[in-house]
């Protein structure tokens, strides 16, 4: 199972963290931007090519430190077709460097549309008898709040193509409680969602003891994370909110099982924009990212 590969890479690196590749053009060092603008102009293509050079530098610096990267598709889609093309280049390059790739798309719908989304990211499409893979990632995020018929196509493709998903359970944003913390009977909505994720995950368990249906659980709500960990013992957690959103190592500790596994913690701006803090020069952006990724690894390991 794909989750077994993730666990293997986490163990190899001794690092339960994922670097979020969420680049805006203003995050890119000016010397890279100027080079891209000189060739392509201050255009969507110019911005996308600058992001591509930035991503390559980050991946080269991080590939032996972190087990995974998580591109967020929105930060590429905002630059139109050039940005989306760079997203696919980034995915391919990360895979070439041996990284597990989680694509953060949070897609979902129902019926044939959900099936199409799943084929786009996890499966293959039939082109007059030829099977083609649109997107070579290991895993995607999905919005499971449409219920079972919106998630089943993704789970089916996880089984068929050896992929994985992380379904939204308790998100890290401040307003998540407006819906997720409401009571349904004697349980919160996020607890109901956890029970559904646990059910969906039950027949996908791999050799690692974890299944293909994981959960997104924010580092900003450690008390809820502790509850969710007990409800989803065999689901891997993708944990946003560390670093820039205020969640620290102690906040993510409840997301892990006693074996020190069960969660992978994301940091995006904290890593990719590390050069903006301290005495780093722009040209040292990759070195700064690496240093922050190592610091984060040691911070997490110290509590789990």
Foldseek 3Di string as FASTA:
>chain_A
DLVVLLVVLCVQQVFQAAEELQDALVLQQPVLLVVLCVPVNPALLSSQSSSLVLLVLQLVLCLSRDQAYEYELVSQCVSPPSSNVSVQVSQVVNVVSNHAYEYEDQDWDADPVLLVVLQQAQNWDQDPNDTHRNHPHQEYEHACVVDDRTCVSNLVSCVVRVHAYAYEQQAADPCSCVQQQDDDPNDGNSLVVLLVLQVSFVPAQDPVQAGRYAYEHELNDQVVLLVSCVSRVRHAYEYECDDPNDRFLVSCLSCADPVLGRYRYYDYCVQQSQQVDDDHDSVCSNVSSSVSSVVRRVRNSVRD
